Amino acid sequence: MPLQFTADLVVESADGLVGRVTGEGSTLRVTTDDPARFVDELRATWPADVRGVGRVGDFLAGEGVSVTISGPRGDVLTLGAEASSLVGRLTTGTRRVAPGRPLTVAPLVRGQVRDMLWGLPASPRARVTVGLVLATLAVCSLLRRRRRS
């Protein structure tokens, strides 16, 4: 039987980032005004590479739990049992990591690209992931335009 939650709490990091955690059953939602910054702070606690994020998604799915991180523009990332994404599979090695719509994921991608351009540490896998995500966003954008035409 999956873990069951009832949650409604507000958390604040040492540097003032505020998030609200809500949940019912086996699904948790973290809502914050700055999801890119929230994910950056999580990266310090998660395994270092994108495959590590995939392992977190697989672990949560194995427990029957889902976690969605959302911001003002919508869902940014879903990990765990409710996630199923080809993009997640290509970038993290598992379908149990599902990025949100391109508009909501763009700040995360921009942050990773900024880190690489300014010479901050970024693993080769992170660079490949950014490339795949950017290519996927471009293809999704083109497909969307064709459907509207």
C-alpha atoms as a PDB file:
ATOM      1  CA  MET A   1       0.000   0.000   0.000  1.00  0.00           C
ATOM      2  CA  PRO A   2       1.420   3.421  -0.926  1.00  0.00           C
ATOM      3  CA  LEU A   3       2.208   6.013   1.682  1.00  0.00           C
ATOM      4  CA  GLN A   4      -0.758   8.248   2.507  1.00  0.00           C
ATOM      5  CA  PHE A   5      -0.541  11.954   3.328  1.00  0.00           C
ATOM      6  CA  THR A   6      -2.687  14.762   4.547  1.00  0.00           C
ATOM      7  CA  ALA A   7      -0.627  17.931   4.368  1.00  0.00           C
ATOM      8  CA  ASP A   8      -1.087  21.678   4.310  1.00  0.00           C
ATOM      9  CA  LEU A   9       1.928  23.579   5.534  1.00  0.00           C
ATOM     10  CA  VAL A  10       4.149  26.506   4.642  1.00  0.00           C
ATOM     11  CA  VAL A  11       7.927  26.107   4.636  1.00  0.00           C
ATOM     12  CA  GLU A  12      10.593  28.786   4.372  1.00  0.00           C
ATOM     13  CA  SER A  13      14.273  28.328   3.568  1.00  0.00           C
ATOM     14  CA  ALA A  14      17.038  30.162   5.393  1.00  0.00           C
ATOM     15  CA  ASP A  15      17.287  32.682   2.559  1.00  0.00           C
ATOM     16  CA  GLY A  16      13.560  33.464   2.492  1.00  0.00           C
ATOM     17  CA  LEU A  17      12.193  31.174  -0.221  1.00  0.00           C
ATOM     18  CA  VAL A  18       8.632  30.282   0.748  1.00  0.00           C
ATOM     19  CA  GLY A  19       6.769  27.206  -0.428  1.00  0.00           C
ATOM     20  CA  ARG A  20       3.454  25.637   0.415  1.00  0.00           C
ATOM     21  CA  VAL A  21       3.184  21.858   0.655  1.00  0.00           C
ATOM     22  CA  THR A  22      -0.266  20.379   0.230  1.00  0.00           C
ATOM     23  CA  GLY A  23      -1.367  16.834  -0.292  1.00  0.00           C
ATOM     24  CA  GLU A  24      -4.010  14.239   0.047  1.00  0.00           C
ATOM     25  CA  GLY A  25      -3.520  10.518  -0.332  1.00  0.00           C
ATOM     26  CA  SER A  26      -0.271   9.646  -2.079  1.00  0.00           C
ATOM     27  CA  THR A  27       0.163  12.953  -3.936  1.00  0.00           C
ATOM     28  CA  LEU A  28       2.056  15.984  -2.660  1.00  0.00           C
ATOM     29  CA  ARG A  29       2.221  19.413  -4.314  1.00  0.00           C
ATOM     30  CA  VAL A  30       4.866  22.028  -3.582  1.00  0.00           C
ATOM     31  CA  THR A  31       3.850  25.502  -4.737  1.00  0.00           C
ATOM     32  CA  THR A  32       6.275  28.420  -4.742  1.00  0.00           C
ATOM     33  CA  ASP A  33       6.595  31.799  -6.429  1.00  0.00           C
ATOM     34  CA  ASP A  34      10.098  30.893  -7.620  1.00  0.00           C
ATOM     35  CA  PRO A  35      10.179  27.227  -8.685  1.00  0.00           C
ATOM     36  CA  ALA A  36      13.545  27.618 -10.458  1.00  0.00           C
ATOM     37  CA  ARG A  37      15.179  28.747  -7.221  1.00  0.00           C
ATOM     38  CA  PHE A  38      13.370  25.988  -5.323  1.00  0.00           C
ATOM     39  CA  VAL A  39      14.695  23.318  -7.697  1.00  0.00           C
ATOM     40  CA  ASP A  40      18.200  24.833  -7.467  1.00  0.00           C
ATOM     41  CA  GLU A  41      18.050  24.450  -3.688  1.00  0.00           C
ATOM     42  CA  LEU A  42      16.795  20.876  -4.034  1.00  0.00           C
ATOM     43  CA  ARG A  43      19.690  20.041  -6.355  1.00  0.00           C
ATOM     44  CA  ALA A  44      22.001  20.556  -3.391  1.00  0.00           C
ATOM     45  CA  THR A  45      20.265  17.681  -1.585  1.00  0.00           C
ATOM     46  CA  TRP A  46      19.511  15.368  -4.526  1.00  0.00           C
ATOM     47  CA  PRO A  47      22.047  13.155  -6.249  1.00  0.00           C
ATOM     48  CA  ALA A  48      24.337  15.370  -8.323  1.00  0.00           C
ATOM     49  CA  ASP A  49      23.409  14.422 -11.895  1.00  0.00           C
ATOM     50  CA  VAL A  50      20.172  14.237 -13.849  1.00  0.00           C
ATOM     51  CA  ARG A  51      20.181  10.454 -13.578  1.00  0.00           C
ATOM     52  CA  GLY A  52      20.072  11.011  -9.831  1.00  0.00           C
ATOM     53  CA  VAL A  53      16.847  12.975 -10.251  1.00  0.00           C
ATOM     54  CA  GLY A  54      15.572   9.981 -12.205  1.00  0.00           C
ATOM     55  CA  ARG A  55      16.465   7.713  -9.303  1.00  0.00           C
ATOM     56  CA  VAL A  56      14.452   9.989  -6.987  1.00  0.00           C
ATOM     57  CA  GLY A  57      11.475   9.680  -9.376  1.00  0.00           C
ATOM     58  CA  ASP A  58      11.832   5.891  -9.488  1.00  0.00           C
ATOM     59  CA  PHE A  59      12.096   5.695  -5.695  1.00  0.00           C
ATOM     60  CA  LEU A  60       8.947   7.773  -5.205  1.00  0.00           C
ATOM     61  CA  ALA A  61       7.098   5.675  -7.804  1.00  0.00           C
ATOM     62  CA  GLY A  62       8.192   2.516  -6.014  1.00  0.00           C
ATOM     63  CA  GLU A  63       6.570   3.884  -2.857  1.00  0.00           C
ATOM     64  CA  GLY A  64       3.442   4.836  -4.816  1.00  0.00           C
ATOM     65  CA  VAL A  65       4.039   8.549  -4.157  1.00  0.00           C
ATOM     66  CA  SER A  66       3.995  11.560  -6.505  1.00  0.00           C
ATOM     67  CA  VAL A  67       5.414  15.028  -5.903  1.00  0.00           C
ATOM     68  CA  THR A  68       4.615  17.974  -8.177  1.00  0.00           C
ATOM     69  CA  ILE A  69       6.497  21.258  -8.011  1.00  0.00           C
ATOM     70  CA  SER A  70       4.500  24.188  -9.325  1.00  0.00           C
ATOM     71  CA  GLY A  71       4.815  27.925  -9.679  1.00  0.00           C
ATOM     72  CA  PRO A  72       2.817  30.895 -10.936  1.00  0.00           C
ATOM     73  CA  ARG A  73       2.810  29.575 -14.522  1.00  0.00           C
ATOM     74  CA  GLY A  74       1.758  26.021 -13.648  1.00  0.00           C
ATOM     75  CA  ASP A  75       3.368  22.648 -12.954  1.00  0.00           C
ATOM     76  CA  VAL A  76       7.136  22.636 -13.432  1.00  0.00           C
ATOM     77  CA  LEU A  77       8.051  19.066 -12.553  1.00  0.00           C
ATOM     78  CA  THR A  78       6.308  15.883 -11.429  1.00  0.00           C
ATOM     79  CA  LEU A  79       8.247  13.019  -9.884  1.00  0.00           C
ATOM     80  CA  GLY A  80       7.009   9.569  -8.947  1.00  0.00           C
ATOM     81  CA  ALA A  81       3.981   7.392  -9.537  1.00  0.00           C
ATOM     82  CA  GLU A  82       1.869   9.898 -11.501  1.00  0.00           C
ATOM     83  CA  ALA A  83       4.704  10.953 -13.803  1.00  0.00           C
ATOM     84  CA  SER A  84       5.038   9.397 -17.235  1.00  0.00           C
ATOM     85  CA  SER A  85       7.089  11.286 -19.788  1.00  0.00           C
ATOM     86  CA  LEU A  86       9.161  10.473 -22.835  1.00  0.00           C
ATOM     87  CA  VAL A  87      11.122  13.702 -22.261  1.00  0.00           C
ATOM     88  CA  GLY A  88      11.814  12.542 -18.708  1.00  0.00           C
ATOM     89  CA  ARG A  89      12.950   9.171 -20.027  1.00  0.00           C
ATOM     90  CA  LEU A  90      15.326  10.790 -22.518  1.00  0.00           C
ATOM     91  CA  THR A  91      16.826  13.230 -20.021  1.00  0.00           C
ATOM     92  CA  THR A  92      16.847  11.318 -16.732  1.00  0.00           C
ATOM     93  CA  GLY A  93      16.630   7.676 -17.770  1.00  0.00           C
ATOM     94  CA  THR A  94      13.129   7.161 -16.389  1.00  0.00           C
ATOM     95  CA  ARG A  95       9.554   8.056 -17.309  1.00  0.00           C
ATOM     96  CA  ARG A  96       8.976   8.827 -13.608  1.00  0.00           C
ATOM     97  CA  VAL A  97      10.192  12.412 -14.073  1.00  0.00           C
ATOM     98  CA  ALA A  98       7.827  14.581 -16.105  1.00  0.00           C
ATOM     99  CA  PRO A  99       8.582  18.209 -16.896  1.00  0.00           C
ATOM    100  CA  GLY A 100       5.712  20.654 -17.195  1.00  0.00           C
ATOM    101  CA  ARG A 101       4.826  22.663 -20.282  1.00  0.00           C
ATOM    102  CA  PRO A 102       7.727  24.443 -22.021  1.00  0.00           C
ATOM    103  CA  LEU A 103       6.660  27.837 -20.658  1.00  0.00           C
ATOM    104  CA  THR A 104       6.824  26.592 -17.075  1.00  0.00           C
ATOM    105  CA  VAL A 105      10.124  24.733 -17.524  1.00  0.00           C
ATOM    106  CA  ALA A 106      11.908  27.572 -19.349  1.00  0.00           C
ATOM    107  CA  PRO A 107      13.223  29.263 -16.154  1.00  0.00           C
ATOM    108  CA  LEU A 108      14.878  26.004 -15.081  1.00  0.00           C
ATOM    109  CA  VAL A 109      16.508  25.540 -18.474  1.00  0.00           C
ATOM    110  CA  ARG A 110      17.644  29.180 -18.525  1.00  0.00           C
ATOM    111  CA  GLY A 111      19.273  28.696 -15.123  1.00  0.00           C
ATOM    112  CA  GLN A 112      21.188  25.632 -16.304  1.00  0.00           C
ATOM    113  CA  VAL A 113      22.267  27.366 -19.502  1.00  0.00           C
ATOM    114  CA  ARG A 114      23.346  30.439 -17.515  1.00  0.00           C
ATOM    115  CA  ASP A 115      25.459  28.244 -15.225  1.00  0.00           C
ATOM    116  CA  MET A 116      27.175  26.642 -18.214  1.00  0.00           C
ATOM    117  CA  LEU A 117      27.780  29.943 -20.009  1.00  0.00           C
ATOM    118  CA  TRP A 118      29.254  31.643 -16.966  1.00  0.00           C
ATOM    119  CA  GLY A 119      31.589  28.725 -16.364  1.00  0.00           C
ATOM    120  CA  LEU A 120      29.982  27.445 -13.211  1.00  0.00           C
ATOM    121  CA  PRO A 121      30.238  23.696 -12.693  1.00  0.00           C
ATOM    122  CA  ALA A 122      27.977  21.680 -14.952  1.00  0.00           C
ATOM    123  CA  SER A 123      28.525  18.003 -15.623  1.00  0.00           C
ATOM    124  CA  PRO A 124      28.720  16.653 -19.180  1.00  0.00           C
ATOM    125  CA  ARG A 125      25.395  14.896 -18.571  1.00  0.00           C
ATOM    126  CA  ALA A 126      23.850  18.189 -17.531  1.00  0.00           C
ATOM    127  CA  ARG A 127      25.054  19.748 -20.774  1.00  0.00           C
ATOM    128  CA  VAL A 128      23.575  16.872 -22.786  1.00  0.00           C
ATOM    129  CA  THR A 129      20.344  17.175 -20.818  1.00  0.00           C
ATOM    130  CA  VAL A 130      20.097  20.888 -21.488  1.00  0.00           C
ATOM    131  CA  GLY A 131      20.659  20.209 -25.175  1.00  0.00           C
ATOM    132  CA  LEU A 132      17.940  17.550 -25.212  1.00  0.00           C
ATOM    133  CA  VAL A 133      15.512  19.751 -23.316  1.00  0.00           C
ATOM    134  CA  LEU A 134      16.145  22.704 -25.639  1.00  0.00           C
ATOM    135  CA  ALA A 135      15.698  20.479 -28.698  1.00  0.00           C
ATOM    136  CA  THR A 136      12.493  19.024 -27.235  1.00  0.00           C
ATOM    137  CA  LEU A 137      11.146  22.490 -26.483  1.00  0.00           C
ATOM    138  CA  ALA A 138      11.896  23.566 -30.054  1.00  0.00           C
ATOM    139  CA  VAL A 139      10.156  20.494 -31.520  1.00  0.00           C
ATOM    140  CA  CYS A 140       7.124  20.957 -29.243  1.00  0.00           C
ATOM    141  CA  SER A 141       6.905  24.595 -30.259  1.00  0.00           C
ATOM    142  CA  LEU A 142       7.046  23.706 -33.964  1.00  0.00           C
ATOM    143  CA  LEU A 143       4.418  20.969 -33.592  1.00  0.00           C
ATOM    144  CA  ARG A 144       2.126  23.328 -31.715  1.00  0.00           C
ATOM    145  CA  ARG A 145       2.456  25.953 -34.459  1.00  0.00           C
ATOM    146  CA  ARG A 146       1.670  23.390 -37.156  1.00  0.00           C
ATOM    147  CA  ARG A 147      -1.463  22.225 -35.349  1.00  0.00           C
ATOM    148  CA  ARG A 148      -2.719  25.798 -35.046  1.00  0.00           C
ATOM    149  CA  SER A 149      -2.143  26.482 -38.757  1.00  0.00           C
END
